[in-house]
Protein backbone atom coordinates (compact mmCIF):
# COMPACT_ATOMS: atom_id res chain seq x y z
CA MET A 1 5.55 -13.88 9.47
CA GLU A 2 2.86 -16.44 8.68
CA PRO A 3 4.01 -20.11 8.83
CA LEU A 4 5.86 -21.11 5.68
CA LYS A 5 3.81 -24.30 5.43
CA ARG A 6 0.95 -22.12 4.17
CA ILE A 7 3.11 -20.74 1.35
CA PRO A 8 3.60 -22.82 -1.85
CA SER A 9 7.01 -24.46 -1.57
CA PRO A 10 8.30 -23.16 -4.93
CA LEU A 11 8.02 -19.63 -3.52
CA GLN A 12 9.57 -20.05 -0.11
CA GLU A 13 13.32 -19.64 -0.42
CA LYS A 14 13.64 -17.95 -3.82
CA TRP A 15 10.89 -15.35 -3.60
CA LEU A 16 9.71 -14.55 -0.09
CA ASN A 17 10.36 -11.20 1.60
CA LYS A 18 12.70 -9.98 -1.13
CA ILE A 19 12.65 -7.31 -3.81
CA HIS A 20 13.35 -8.73 -7.27
CA GLN A 21 14.79 -6.31 -9.78
CA GLY A 22 13.37 -6.55 -13.27
CA ASP A 23 10.41 -5.88 -15.54
CA CYS A 24 7.35 -6.87 -13.53
CA ILE A 25 5.68 -8.79 -16.37
CA GLU A 26 8.80 -10.85 -17.06
CA VAL A 27 9.37 -11.51 -13.36
CA MET A 28 5.75 -12.57 -12.78
CA LYS A 29 6.07 -15.02 -15.69
CA GLN A 30 8.65 -16.84 -13.57
CA MET A 31 6.30 -17.15 -10.58
CA PRO A 32 4.03 -20.18 -10.12
CA GLU A 33 0.45 -19.78 -11.26
CA LYS A 34 -2.14 -19.06 -8.52
CA SER A 35 0.53 -18.58 -5.85
CA VAL A 36 -0.29 -15.14 -4.39
CA ASP A 37 -3.13 -14.24 -1.99
CA LEU A 38 -3.19 -10.48 -2.49
CA ILE A 39 -1.66 -7.82 -4.73
CA VAL A 40 -1.37 -4.21 -3.56
CA THR A 41 0.22 -1.86 -6.05
CA SER A 42 0.30 1.58 -7.64
CA PRO A 43 1.84 1.80 -11.12
CA PRO A 44 3.37 4.94 -12.66
CA TYR A 45 0.47 7.18 -13.72
CA ASN A 46 2.01 8.39 -17.00
CA LEU A 47 1.41 11.96 -15.83
CA ARG A 48 4.11 13.50 -17.98
CA ASN A 49 2.21 12.42 -21.08
CA SER A 50 -0.23 15.30 -20.84
CA THR A 51 -2.35 17.47 -23.12
CA GLY A 52 -1.77 20.38 -20.75
CA GLY A 53 1.30 22.50 -20.17
CA GLY A 54 3.10 21.96 -16.88
CA MET A 55 3.88 18.26 -16.58
CA ARG A 56 4.21 17.71 -20.32
CA ASN A 57 6.62 20.43 -21.40
CA GLY A 58 8.73 20.44 -18.27
CA SER A 59 8.09 24.05 -17.38
CA GLY A 60 6.04 22.86 -14.44
CA GLY A 61 3.79 25.88 -14.22
CA LEU A 62 2.25 25.45 -10.79
CA TRP A 63 3.99 22.03 -10.72
CA GLU A 64 7.47 23.55 -10.92
CA ASN A 65 8.61 21.81 -7.72
CA ALA A 66 6.89 18.49 -8.45
CA ALA A 67 9.30 15.54 -8.26
CA LEU A 68 7.56 13.86 -11.20
CA LEU A 69 8.85 16.58 -13.55
CA LYS A 70 12.10 14.63 -13.59
CA GLY A 71 10.35 11.31 -14.06
CA TYR A 72 11.43 8.23 -12.14
CA ALA A 73 14.96 7.14 -11.40
CA GLY A 74 16.34 4.98 -14.19
CA ASP A 75 15.06 4.86 -17.74
CA TYR A 76 11.31 5.31 -17.17
CA SER A 77 10.22 8.89 -17.84
CA ASP A 78 6.44 8.44 -17.25
CA ASP A 79 5.49 9.93 -20.60
CA ILE A 80 4.82 7.10 -23.06
CA PRO A 81 1.97 7.49 -25.63
CA TYR A 82 -1.34 6.78 -23.92
CA PRO A 83 -2.43 3.80 -26.11
CA GLN A 84 0.93 2.18 -25.43
CA TYR A 85 0.54 2.91 -21.71
CA VAL A 86 -2.93 1.31 -21.64
CA ALA A 87 -1.64 -1.80 -23.41
CA TRP A 88 1.25 -2.05 -20.95
CA GLN A 89 -0.98 -1.74 -17.89
CA ARG A 90 -3.46 -4.30 -19.25
CA ALA A 91 -0.55 -6.70 -19.78
CA CYS A 92 0.55 -6.06 -16.19
CA LEU A 93 -2.95 -6.79 -14.85
CA THR A 94 -3.13 -9.96 -16.96
CA ALA A 95 0.16 -11.14 -15.45
CA MET A 96 -1.15 -10.31 -11.96
CA MET A 97 -4.34 -12.30 -12.52
CA ARG A 98 -2.28 -15.34 -13.53
CA VAL A 99 -0.39 -15.48 -10.23
CA LEU A 100 -3.45 -14.63 -8.12
CA LYS A 101 -5.20 -17.43 -6.23
CA ASP A 102 -8.86 -18.23 -6.88
CA ASP A 103 -9.84 -16.37 -3.69
CA GLY A 104 -7.38 -13.52 -4.19
CA ALA A 105 -7.73 -9.84 -5.05
CA ILE A 106 -5.80 -6.88 -6.43
CA PHE A 107 -5.87 -3.41 -4.88
CA TYR A 108 -4.87 -1.33 -7.91
CA ASN A 109 -4.28 2.34 -7.04
CA HIS A 110 -4.54 4.82 -9.91
CA LYS A 111 -5.36 8.45 -10.59
CA TRP A 112 -8.08 9.92 -12.78
CA ARG A 113 -7.36 13.19 -14.57
CA VAL A 114 -8.66 15.57 -17.21
CA GLN A 115 -7.18 15.41 -20.71
CA ASP A 116 -8.36 17.51 -23.65
CA GLY A 117 -11.13 18.81 -21.41
CA LEU A 118 -12.58 15.34 -20.69
CA LEU A 119 -12.24 12.96 -17.75
CA GLN A 120 -9.70 10.19 -18.27
CA ASP A 121 -10.99 7.59 -15.80
CA ARG A 122 -8.71 4.73 -16.85
CA ARG A 123 -11.62 2.51 -17.89
CA GLU A 124 -9.58 1.44 -20.93
CA ILE A 125 -7.13 -0.18 -18.53
CA VAL A 126 -9.53 -2.11 -16.27
CA GLU A 127 -12.25 -2.95 -18.80
CA GLY A 128 -12.80 -6.72 -18.93
CA PHE A 129 -11.11 -7.37 -15.59
CA PRO A 130 -13.28 -8.40 -12.61
CA VAL A 131 -13.60 -5.00 -10.91
CA ARG A 132 -15.75 -5.49 -7.81
CA GLN A 133 -15.51 -2.03 -6.27
CA ILE A 134 -13.90 1.39 -6.61
CA ILE A 135 -12.47 2.73 -3.35
CA ILE A 136 -11.83 6.45 -3.01
CA TRP A 137 -8.53 7.47 -1.41
CA GLN A 138 -9.24 10.99 -0.23
CA ARG A 139 -5.96 12.79 0.34
CA ALA A 140 -4.89 16.37 0.84
CA GLY A 141 -5.38 18.61 -2.21
CA GLY A 142 -2.36 19.23 -4.39
CA ILE A 143 -1.29 22.27 -6.37
CA ASN A 144 -2.98 21.35 -9.62
CA PHE A 145 -5.02 24.54 -9.83
CA ASN A 146 -6.81 24.80 -13.17
CA LEU A 147 -9.87 26.87 -14.04
CA SER A 148 -11.17 24.01 -16.19
CA TYR A 149 -12.11 21.86 -13.17
CA PHE A 150 -12.11 21.70 -9.37
CA LEU A 151 -8.92 20.82 -7.54
CA PRO A 152 -8.51 16.98 -7.44
CA THR A 153 -8.33 15.69 -3.87
CA TYR A 154 -8.63 11.94 -4.36
CA GLU A 155 -7.27 8.92 -6.15
CA VAL A 156 -9.01 5.61 -6.80
CA ILE A 157 -8.26 2.05 -5.77
CA TYR A 158 -9.80 -0.57 -8.02
CA LEU A 159 -10.65 -3.74 -6.09
CA ILE A 160 -10.16 -6.36 -8.81
CA SER A 161 -11.03 -9.74 -7.36
CA ASN A 162 -11.69 -13.36 -8.19
CA LYS A 163 -15.17 -14.62 -7.35
CA LYS A 164 -14.16 -16.43 -4.15
CA PHE A 165 -12.48 -13.38 -2.59
CA ARG A 166 -13.87 -12.29 0.77
CA LEU A 167 -12.76 -9.76 3.35
CA ALA A 168 -11.53 -11.06 6.69
CA LYS A 169 -14.11 -12.13 9.25
CA SER A 170 -14.07 -10.10 12.44
CA ASN A 171 -16.17 -9.73 15.57
CA ASP A 172 -15.92 -6.02 14.87
CA PRO A 173 -17.23 -5.45 11.32
CA THR A 174 -16.04 -1.83 11.43
CA ALA A 175 -12.50 -3.23 11.24
CA THR A 176 -13.11 -4.67 7.74
CA CYS A 177 -16.15 -4.15 5.51
CA GLY A 178 -17.51 -1.46 7.84
CA ILE A 179 -14.54 0.79 7.05
CA GLY A 180 -16.44 1.97 4.00
CA ASP A 181 -15.22 2.87 0.54
CA ILE A 182 -13.85 6.35 1.24
CA TRP A 183 -10.43 6.21 2.89
CA ARG A 184 -9.08 9.49 4.25
CA MET A 185 -5.28 9.47 4.42
CA ASN A 186 -2.69 12.12 3.66
CA GLN A 187 0.05 11.53 1.12
CA ASP A 188 3.44 10.32 2.21
CA THR A 189 6.03 13.07 2.50
CA GLY A 190 9.77 13.11 3.06
CA ASN A 191 10.13 10.16 0.67
CA GLU A 192 12.57 10.43 -2.23
CA HIS A 193 10.26 8.44 -4.50
CA PRO A 194 8.24 10.92 -6.62
CA ALA A 195 4.86 9.25 -6.03
CA PRO A 196 4.69 7.16 -2.84
CA PHE A 197 1.50 6.25 -1.05
CA PRO A 198 1.37 6.33 2.78
CA VAL A 199 2.02 3.10 4.67
CA GLU A 200 -1.52 3.30 6.08
CA LEU A 201 -2.96 2.60 2.62
CA PRO A 202 -1.40 -0.86 1.98
CA MET A 203 -1.85 -1.64 5.67
CA ARG A 204 -5.60 -1.15 5.36
CA CYS A 205 -5.73 -3.27 2.20
CA ILE A 206 -3.76 -6.09 3.80
CA GLU A 207 -5.30 -6.11 7.27
CA SER A 208 -8.79 -6.24 5.74
CA THR A 209 -7.98 -9.69 4.35
CA ASN A 210 -6.61 -13.03 5.51
CA ALA A 211 -3.80 -12.86 2.96
CA THR A 212 -0.66 -14.79 3.86
CA LEU A 213 1.40 -13.58 0.91
CA VAL A 214 1.28 -10.08 -0.62
CA LEU A 215 2.79 -9.06 -3.95
CA ASP A 216 3.63 -5.55 -5.16
CA PRO A 217 4.82 -5.54 -8.81
CA PHE A 218 5.69 -1.81 -8.59
CA MET A 219 7.47 -1.82 -5.24
CA GLY A 220 8.96 1.67 -5.51
CA SER A 221 10.21 2.77 -2.11
CA GLY A 222 9.14 -0.43 -0.33
CA THR A 223 5.99 0.82 1.43
CA THR A 224 3.90 -2.31 0.72
CA ALA A 225 6.68 -4.52 2.08
CA ILE A 226 6.86 -2.49 5.28
CA ALA A 227 3.07 -2.61 5.68
CA ALA A 228 3.14 -6.39 5.24
CA GLU A 229 5.87 -6.78 7.85
CA MET A 230 4.00 -4.52 10.27
CA LEU A 231 1.08 -6.95 9.97
CA GLY A 232 3.16 -10.13 10.12
CA ARG A 233 2.55 -11.16 6.49
CA ASN A 234 4.98 -12.42 3.88
CA TRP A 235 5.58 -10.38 0.75
CA ILE A 236 7.21 -10.33 -2.68
CA GLY A 237 8.35 -7.11 -4.34
CA ILE A 238 9.25 -6.37 -7.95
CA GLU A 239 10.94 -3.16 -9.05
CA ILE A 240 12.69 -2.39 -12.33
CA SER A 241 14.88 0.44 -11.02
CA LYS A 242 18.08 -0.52 -9.19
CA HIS A 243 17.98 2.89 -7.50
CA TYR A 244 14.58 2.22 -5.96
CA CYS A 245 15.49 -1.39 -5.13
CA ASP A 246 18.44 -0.10 -3.10
CA SER A 247 16.35 2.67 -1.52
CA ALA A 248 13.52 0.29 -0.61
CA ASN A 249 15.90 -2.26 0.87
CA LYS A 250 17.36 0.46 3.09
CA ARG A 251 13.88 1.52 4.28
CA ILE A 252 12.95 -2.09 5.00
CA ALA A 253 16.21 -2.64 6.90
CA ASN A 254 15.49 0.50 8.90
CA TRP A 255 12.02 -0.79 9.76
CA ARG A 256 13.42 -4.16 10.85
CA ALA A 257 16.08 -2.48 12.97
CA ASN A 258 14.07 0.31 14.54
CA GLY A 259 10.39 -0.50 14.23
CA ALA A 260 7.48 1.59 13.02
CA GLU A 261 7.89 4.39 15.53
CA ASN A 262 11.10 5.56 13.89
CA LEU A 263 9.93 5.17 10.32
CA PRO A 264 7.05 7.65 9.93
CA ARG A 265 8.73 10.52 11.77
CA SER A 266 10.10 13.31 9.64
CA PRO A 267 13.91 13.14 9.83
CA ASN A 268 13.96 16.93 10.01
CA CYS A 269 11.12 17.22 12.50
CA ASN A 270 11.25 20.56 14.30
CA GLN A 271 12.35 19.88 17.90
CA SER A 272 12.08 23.50 19.00
CA ASN A 273 9.00 25.44 20.05
CA GLN A 274 8.61 26.85 16.55
CA PRO A 275 5.40 25.88 14.70
CA LEU A 276 5.70 22.83 12.45
CA THR A 277 5.64 23.33 8.71
CA ALA A 278 2.80 21.87 6.65
CA VAL A 279 5.05 18.99 5.54
CA GLN A 280 6.10 18.26 9.13
CA ARG A 281 2.48 18.29 10.27
CA MET A 282 1.57 15.72 7.62
CA ARG A 283 4.55 13.55 8.56
CA GLU A 284 3.81 13.68 12.26
CA GLY A 285 0.14 13.06 11.52
CA ALA A 286 1.06 9.77 9.85
CA TYR A 287 3.05 8.81 12.93
CA HIS A 288 0.25 9.62 15.33
CA THR A 289 -2.27 7.74 13.16
CA HIS A 290 -0.17 4.62 13.53
CA ALA A 291 0.43 5.24 17.23
CA ALA A 292 -3.32 5.65 17.80
CA ARG A 293 -4.01 2.35 16.02
CA VAL A 294 -1.44 0.56 18.19
CA ALA A 295 -2.88 2.14 21.35
CA THR A 296 -6.42 1.11 20.40
CA THR A 297 -5.39 -2.48 19.69
CA THR A 298 -3.39 -2.63 22.92
CA GLY A 299 -6.43 -1.43 24.88
CA ARG A 300 -8.69 -4.04 23.29
CA ILE A 301 -6.22 -6.82 24.10
CA ARG A 302 -5.85 -5.71 27.70
CA ARG A 303 -9.63 -5.49 28.18
CA THR A 304 -10.11 -8.95 26.70
CA ILE A 305 -7.41 -10.44 28.93
CA ALA A 306 -8.87 -8.74 32.02
CA SER A 307 -12.35 -10.02 31.19
CA LEU A 308 -11.09 -13.58 30.88
CA HIS A 309 -9.23 -13.31 34.18
CA LYS A 310 -12.42 -12.16 35.92
CA LYS A 311 -14.18 -15.25 34.61
CA GLY A 312 -11.37 -17.45 35.90
CA LYS A 313 -10.26 -18.36 32.40
CA ARG A 314 -6.74 -18.41 31.02
CA PRO A 315 -6.29 -15.95 28.12
CA THR A 316 -4.75 -17.72 25.16
CA LYS A 317 -3.28 -15.88 22.22
CA SER A 318 -5.43 -17.83 19.78
CA TYR A 319 -8.66 -16.87 21.54
CA VAL A 320 -7.71 -13.21 21.96
CA ALA A 321 -6.57 -12.98 18.32
CA ARG A 322 -9.97 -14.26 17.16
CA ARG A 323 -11.80 -11.84 19.44
CA ILE A 324 -10.03 -8.76 18.10
CA GLY A 325 -9.84 -9.97 14.49
CA VAL A 326 -6.10 -10.39 13.86
CA SER A 327 -3.89 -13.39 13.16
CA ARG A 328 -2.29 -15.20 16.08
CA GLU A 329 1.14 -14.65 14.49
CA HIS A 330 0.60 -10.88 14.29
CA LEU A 331 -0.66 -10.81 17.87
CA THR A 332 2.35 -12.73 19.12
CA ARG A 333 4.85 -10.64 17.17
CA LYS A 334 3.47 -7.22 18.01
CA TYR A 335 1.65 -7.65 21.31
CA GLY A 336 3.02 -10.85 22.85
CA ARG A 337 4.49 -8.87 25.76
CA LEU A 338 0.97 -8.14 27.03
CA PHE A 339 0.54 -11.82 27.91
CA GLU A 340 3.67 -11.74 30.06
CA LEU A 341 2.40 -9.07 32.46
């Protein structure tokens, strides 16, 4: 993790690297003002409050196997009246802006949809907030077949930022701003939460910044926390459901015990010579995406070290970290063994 001296002292022992159960607005009221570098979150989409059939009336239609038909664990059913939902989300964003530092940003993942034959693009929620950019998360198409419109294959991420926010500097601009604003990642699968995003999504948000402390007010199954730990950053999670708090804590404990290689694999991955199912292919794809990123970073570190040796220079972790665009703490934690060879 990043050195605690860079974290405001009121946050250190009480808040850091823990999931706090409670209403996110009430919990954020207890946090110091301007104390968080980055917020990465995805609220409930209120999908069961629908003008259409399936998700609204519970019959499902083509959604009959969708986990969201049952709502979320606990008391939240994801079907509150839309004006009330908008007011709630605006209150959440207001609370987030209060705890955000002057150079901080919010990655706010949401989903557009069609209601009463018209696009519901959530502008009522974000209007008046400092939206700098809309990022497209292009994912695999779902089963929402409807002759009124083409099959939705993306969600949006609103980059809501204070004026001083900047992406991380890097010698390789393709690692940050050069990534572009269309992110192609499959959904997470094999997760008991009804609407999880893949760990690659919060990882990309976090690693594109210099954030020391990351907050997720809708922690769900703990994915943002795991992404932060994979990148050596501190985090704070808020989740109202005890069920998801317990589930997320188990996932985080599993990550800490076994590392990333065990986490993305499907627990029921086919070990025989039989073809993988579509779900297994998506799960294994997430694993190989992470493995490829690790292999690429390892190669860059080794090449940098070899180049320095050829010049008769001693490779220091600080220098190599700057060259490849990561923090020294992350380099030491994840790749420190390469300096011992």
